[in-house]
């Protein structure tokens, strides 16, 4: 499938091409890391040309409630090619809400495209991308906490949605429910109520996220235990172990650093909202 407008063409990759591009992207870590997707989440992957692509774009299909809240991610080797795609190609519907994730170094270009398109834009998040190469070096989880670790289920969706920084809407509720249904999660259950008191989820990109501990249960090492447990689980299943930590979240940054996560200090991931919901 090809999509074109005014001479610019994007090609949608088939299953065989996707396997090829996954191998190529591994050589371009960490900048390409968020292009990972697990197969439970249907996506459309486009490149500006094949096989020597400069731009690769992962776009979720918008078919059901909550889909608009999913982000479109772009990795590019060339800013000019990226700008051509955003400025000339109809692969993106600029009349609808769009959350686009890419490198922070393209911020000025993103703002210029929004101005040309006459659509409102907001930079909603700038994050460190933290990676863990070998979770086997993590310290064992305390047995008392390990016995309380379980997985989230759909009945916990509302709790996670209400505590997530970008949540508490119907669209975010649908997205979180989908994540709980299809991707790994870990939580610590209260011994009496059997309700979650701390949790971490996995995004469709394989990144850990939404790490949270209820206020009254903080300071007990629950977040550290959950990240350690989830890291081992993802690693054992062949997934990369990484997360995004917002620049202002020094507490989480220190937590992941102390657990052995590292970053490329020259790289920042950023998300931009167009046509706010």
Protein backbone atom coordinates (compact mmCIF):
# COMPACT_ATOMS: atom_id res chain seq x y z
CA UNK A 1 0.00 0.00 0.00
CA UNK A 2 1.27 3.46 -0.87
CA UNK A 3 -0.08 6.82 0.24
CA UNK A 4 0.95 9.93 -1.65
CA UNK A 5 0.20 13.61 -2.03
CA UNK A 6 2.03 16.22 -4.10
CA UNK A 7 4.78 13.81 -5.06
CA UNK A 8 5.65 12.43 -1.59
CA UNK A 9 5.07 8.70 -1.16
CA UNK A 10 4.86 6.52 1.95
CA UNK A 11 4.89 2.73 1.77
CA UNK A 12 3.12 0.58 4.34
CA UNK A 13 5.26 -2.38 5.38
CA UNK A 14 4.06 -5.98 5.19
CA UNK A 15 4.87 -8.67 7.76
CA UNK A 16 8.10 -9.77 6.08
CA UNK A 17 9.32 -6.19 5.72
CA UNK A 18 8.51 -5.54 9.38
CA UNK A 19 10.82 -8.37 10.45
CA UNK A 20 13.60 -6.82 8.35
CA UNK A 21 13.10 -3.33 9.72
CA UNK A 22 13.07 -4.59 13.33
CA UNK A 23 16.60 -5.89 12.82
CA UNK A 24 17.74 -2.61 11.30
CA UNK A 25 16.23 -0.55 14.11
CA UNK A 26 18.13 -2.54 16.75
CA UNK A 27 21.32 -1.10 15.29
CA UNK A 28 19.96 2.43 15.81
CA UNK A 29 19.21 2.22 19.55
CA UNK A 30 18.51 4.13 21.68
CA UNK A 31 16.84 6.67 19.39
CA UNK A 32 14.77 3.99 17.64
CA UNK A 33 13.77 2.17 20.83
CA UNK A 34 10.20 3.49 21.04
CA UNK A 35 9.49 2.09 17.57
CA UNK A 36 9.19 -1.37 19.15
CA UNK A 37 5.68 -2.81 19.18
CA UNK A 38 4.31 -6.09 20.48
CA UNK A 39 1.91 -7.85 18.15
CA UNK A 40 -1.11 -7.58 20.45
CA UNK A 41 -1.40 -3.96 19.42
CA UNK A 42 -2.32 -3.53 15.74
CA UNK A 43 -0.36 -0.75 14.06
CA UNK A 44 0.41 0.53 10.61
CA UNK A 45 4.08 1.06 9.84
CA UNK A 46 5.09 3.35 6.99
CA UNK A 47 8.45 4.26 5.48
CA UNK A 48 9.34 7.03 3.05
CA UNK A 49 11.13 4.49 0.83
CA UNK A 50 12.12 0.84 0.91
CA UNK A 51 14.49 -0.69 1.77
CA UNK A 52 16.74 2.37 2.31
CA UNK A 53 14.35 4.39 4.45
CA UNK A 54 15.01 7.75 6.07
CA UNK A 55 11.73 7.97 7.98
CA UNK A 56 9.68 5.28 9.68
CA UNK A 57 6.29 6.08 11.19
CA UNK A 58 4.24 3.83 13.49
CA UNK A 59 0.58 4.77 13.47
CA UNK A 60 -2.24 3.07 15.41
CA UNK A 61 -5.48 2.46 13.52
CA UNK A 62 -8.31 4.66 14.76
CA UNK A 63 -11.28 2.34 14.87
CA UNK A 64 -12.54 2.21 18.43
CA UNK A 65 -12.92 4.27 21.59
CA UNK A 66 -9.60 5.19 23.13
CA UNK A 67 -7.59 4.80 19.92
CA UNK A 68 -7.13 8.55 19.54
CA UNK A 69 -5.20 8.55 22.82
CA UNK A 70 -2.54 6.21 21.38
CA UNK A 71 0.58 7.94 20.17
CA UNK A 72 2.08 7.98 16.69
CA UNK A 73 5.85 7.52 16.84
CA UNK A 74 8.39 8.69 14.27
CA UNK A 75 12.04 7.77 13.88
CA UNK A 76 14.09 9.55 11.26
CA UNK A 77 17.66 9.65 10.03
CA UNK A 78 17.08 12.91 8.17
CA UNK A 79 15.15 15.99 9.33
CA UNK A 80 14.37 17.19 5.81
CA UNK A 81 12.70 13.87 4.95
CA UNK A 82 10.73 14.00 8.20
CA UNK A 83 9.55 17.52 7.44
CA UNK A 84 8.44 16.50 3.96
CA UNK A 85 6.32 13.72 5.42
CA UNK A 86 4.60 16.02 7.91
CA UNK A 87 4.28 18.92 5.52
CA UNK A 88 3.22 17.23 2.32
CA UNK A 89 1.85 13.77 3.03
CA UNK A 90 -1.71 12.82 3.95
CA UNK A 91 -0.67 9.89 6.11
CA UNK A 92 -1.69 12.03 9.12
CA UNK A 93 -5.19 13.45 9.53
CA UNK A 94 -4.47 16.97 10.78
CA UNK A 95 -8.14 17.60 11.55
CA UNK A 96 -8.09 15.16 14.50
CA UNK A 97 -6.24 14.91 17.78
CA UNK A 98 -2.72 13.56 17.38
CA UNK A 99 -0.07 12.70 19.95
CA UNK A 100 3.26 12.38 18.17
CA UNK A 101 6.41 11.05 19.83
CA UNK A 102 9.88 11.68 18.45
CA UNK A 103 13.25 13.17 19.39
CA UNK A 104 13.26 16.54 21.16
CA UNK A 105 15.76 17.82 18.60
CA UNK A 106 12.87 18.20 16.14
CA UNK A 107 10.86 20.54 18.36
CA UNK A 108 11.42 23.65 16.25
CA UNK A 109 10.43 21.81 13.10
CA UNK A 110 7.28 20.42 14.76
CA UNK A 111 6.21 23.91 15.81
CA UNK A 112 6.80 25.22 12.28
CA UNK A 113 4.69 22.44 10.72
CA UNK A 114 1.87 23.12 13.19
CA UNK A 115 1.97 26.79 12.27
CA UNK A 116 1.84 25.98 8.56
CA UNK A 117 -1.04 23.56 9.13
CA UNK A 118 -2.76 26.10 11.36
CA UNK A 119 -3.31 23.53 14.10
CA UNK A 120 -2.68 24.09 17.84
CA UNK A 121 0.31 22.22 19.28
CA UNK A 122 1.52 21.59 22.81
CA UNK A 123 4.74 19.96 23.97
CA UNK A 124 3.35 17.69 26.68
CA UNK A 125 6.38 15.71 27.82
CA UNK A 126 10.17 15.62 27.59
CA UNK A 127 11.79 12.48 28.94
CA UNK A 128 15.00 10.65 29.60
CA UNK A 129 15.01 7.23 27.95
CA UNK A 130 16.40 4.79 30.51
CA UNK A 131 17.61 1.31 29.48
CA UNK A 132 18.69 -1.75 31.44
CA UNK A 133 21.04 -4.10 29.60
CA UNK A 134 21.16 -6.99 32.08
CA UNK A 135 18.37 -7.38 34.66
CA UNK A 136 20.07 -10.51 36.07
CA UNK A 137 22.26 -8.15 38.10
CA UNK A 138 19.28 -6.73 39.97
CA UNK A 139 19.06 -7.51 43.66
CA UNK A 140 16.42 -10.10 44.63
CA UNK A 141 13.01 -8.75 45.67
CA UNK A 142 12.34 -9.07 49.39
CA UNK A 143 10.31 -12.20 50.01
CA UNK A 144 7.65 -10.33 52.00
CA UNK A 145 6.99 -8.01 49.04
CA UNK A 146 7.42 -10.71 46.39
CA UNK A 147 4.59 -12.72 47.95
CA UNK A 148 2.28 -9.71 47.42
CA UNK A 149 3.14 -9.15 43.75
CA UNK A 150 0.48 -10.00 41.18
CA UNK A 151 -0.81 -8.66 37.86
CA UNK A 152 -3.43 -6.00 37.29
CA UNK A 153 -6.81 -6.96 35.92
CA UNK A 154 -9.52 -4.93 34.18
CA UNK A 155 -11.26 -4.11 37.47
CA UNK A 156 -8.22 -1.97 38.36
CA UNK A 157 -8.48 0.24 35.27
CA UNK A 158 -10.31 3.08 37.01
CA UNK A 159 -7.77 3.25 39.83
CA UNK A 160 -4.84 3.49 37.41
CA UNK A 161 -6.67 6.00 35.22
CA UNK A 162 -7.46 8.33 38.12
CA UNK A 163 -3.85 8.41 39.35
CA UNK A 164 -2.06 8.73 35.98
CA UNK A 165 -0.81 12.24 35.22
CA UNK A 166 -2.33 12.22 31.72
CA UNK A 167 -5.39 10.18 32.65
CA UNK A 168 -8.81 10.62 34.25
CA UNK A 169 -10.62 10.79 30.89
CA UNK A 170 -12.71 8.26 28.98
CA UNK A 171 -10.09 8.00 26.23
CA UNK A 172 -7.30 7.28 28.71
CA UNK A 173 -9.55 4.76 30.49
CA UNK A 174 -9.99 2.80 27.27
CA UNK A 175 -6.26 2.90 26.53
CA UNK A 176 -5.29 1.71 30.02
CA UNK A 177 -7.85 -1.08 29.93
CA UNK A 178 -6.36 -2.24 26.63
CA UNK A 179 -2.86 -2.18 28.16
CA UNK A 180 -3.98 -4.25 31.15
CA UNK A 181 -5.72 -6.73 28.84
CA UNK A 182 -2.85 -7.29 26.44
CA UNK A 183 0.50 -6.34 27.97
CA UNK A 184 2.50 -7.32 31.08
CA UNK A 185 1.75 -5.52 34.33
CA UNK A 186 2.84 -5.91 37.95
CA UNK A 187 1.17 -4.72 41.11
CA UNK A 188 1.49 -5.11 44.86
CA UNK A 189 -1.79 -6.15 46.46
CA UNK A 190 -2.83 -5.04 49.93
CA UNK A 191 -2.88 -8.04 52.25
CA UNK A 192 -6.35 -7.28 53.60
CA UNK A 193 -8.31 -5.68 50.75
CA UNK A 194 -6.46 -7.46 47.92
CA UNK A 195 -6.54 -4.17 45.99
CA UNK A 196 -3.45 -2.72 44.29
CA UNK A 197 -1.38 -0.30 46.35
CA UNK A 198 1.43 0.05 43.77
CA UNK A 199 1.75 -0.87 40.10
CA UNK A 200 3.62 -0.59 36.82
CA UNK A 201 2.30 -1.22 33.31
CA UNK A 202 3.79 -1.82 29.86
CA UNK A 203 3.02 0.34 26.83
CA UNK A 204 2.54 -1.17 23.34
CA UNK A 205 6.12 -0.01 22.63
CA UNK A 206 7.34 -2.40 25.38
CA UNK A 207 8.32 0.55 27.61
CA UNK A 208 7.47 0.31 31.29
CA UNK A 209 5.27 3.14 32.49
CA UNK A 210 2.60 4.54 34.82
CA UNK A 211 4.68 3.48 37.84
CA UNK A 212 2.74 4.57 40.91
CA UNK A 213 2.50 3.90 44.65
CA UNK A 214 -0.44 5.12 46.72
CA UNK A 215 0.66 7.93 49.05
CA UNK A 216 0.08 6.02 52.28
CA UNK A 217 2.28 3.11 51.14
CA UNK A 218 5.34 5.01 49.95
CA UNK A 219 8.81 4.57 51.42
CA UNK A 220 8.54 0.76 51.61
CA UNK A 221 10.53 -0.09 48.46
CA UNK A 222 7.45 -1.17 46.50
CA UNK A 223 8.34 0.73 43.30
CA UNK A 224 11.86 -0.72 43.34
CA UNK A 225 10.43 -4.23 43.76
CA UNK A 226 7.94 -3.78 40.92
CA UNK A 227 10.50 -2.40 38.47
CA UNK A 228 12.89 -5.24 39.31
CA UNK A 229 10.19 -7.88 38.90
CA UNK A 230 8.89 -6.41 35.63
CA UNK A 231 12.40 -5.99 34.23
CA UNK A 232 13.21 -9.66 34.76
CA UNK A 233 9.89 -10.68 33.25
CA UNK A 234 10.32 -8.59 30.10
CA UNK A 235 13.94 -9.67 29.67
CA UNK A 236 13.05 -13.36 30.03
CA UNK A 237 10.46 -12.98 27.26
CA UNK A 238 12.95 -11.37 24.89
CA UNK A 239 11.70 -7.78 25.18
CA UNK A 240 13.96 -4.75 25.67
CA UNK A 241 13.94 -3.36 29.20
CA UNK A 242 13.48 0.40 29.19
CA UNK A 243 11.25 3.28 30.24
CA UNK A 244 10.76 7.01 29.77
CA UNK A 245 11.20 9.29 32.79
CA UNK A 246 10.08 12.91 32.57
CA UNK A 247 12.87 15.42 33.11
CA UNK A 248 11.22 16.93 36.19
CA UNK A 249 10.65 13.53 37.85
CA UNK A 250 13.92 13.33 39.76
CA UNK A 251 12.56 10.74 42.19
CA UNK A 252 11.88 8.21 39.44
CA UNK A 253 15.11 9.13 37.64
CA UNK A 254 17.12 8.34 40.78
CA UNK A 255 15.18 5.10 41.30
CA UNK A 256 15.94 3.79 37.82
CA UNK A 257 19.55 5.01 37.93
CA UNK A 258 20.13 3.22 41.24
CA UNK A 259 18.75 0.03 39.69
CA UNK A 260 21.35 0.22 36.93
CA UNK A 261 19.36 1.87 34.13
CA UNK A 262 21.44 4.11 31.86
CA UNK A 263 20.74 6.67 29.15
CA UNK A 264 22.27 8.48 26.21
CA UNK A 265 22.78 11.95 27.77
CA UNK A 266 22.49 13.58 24.35
CA UNK A 267 19.02 12.15 23.65
CA UNK A 268 15.61 13.25 24.89
CA UNK A 269 12.28 11.84 23.79
CA UNK A 270 9.39 14.27 23.40
CA UNK A 271 5.65 14.08 22.81
CA UNK A 272 3.60 16.75 21.09
CA UNK A 273 -0.19 17.06 21.12
CA UNK A 274 -1.91 18.53 18.07
CA UNK A 275 -5.60 19.53 18.17
CA UNK A 276 -6.04 18.91 21.90
CA UNK A 277 -8.85 16.58 22.95
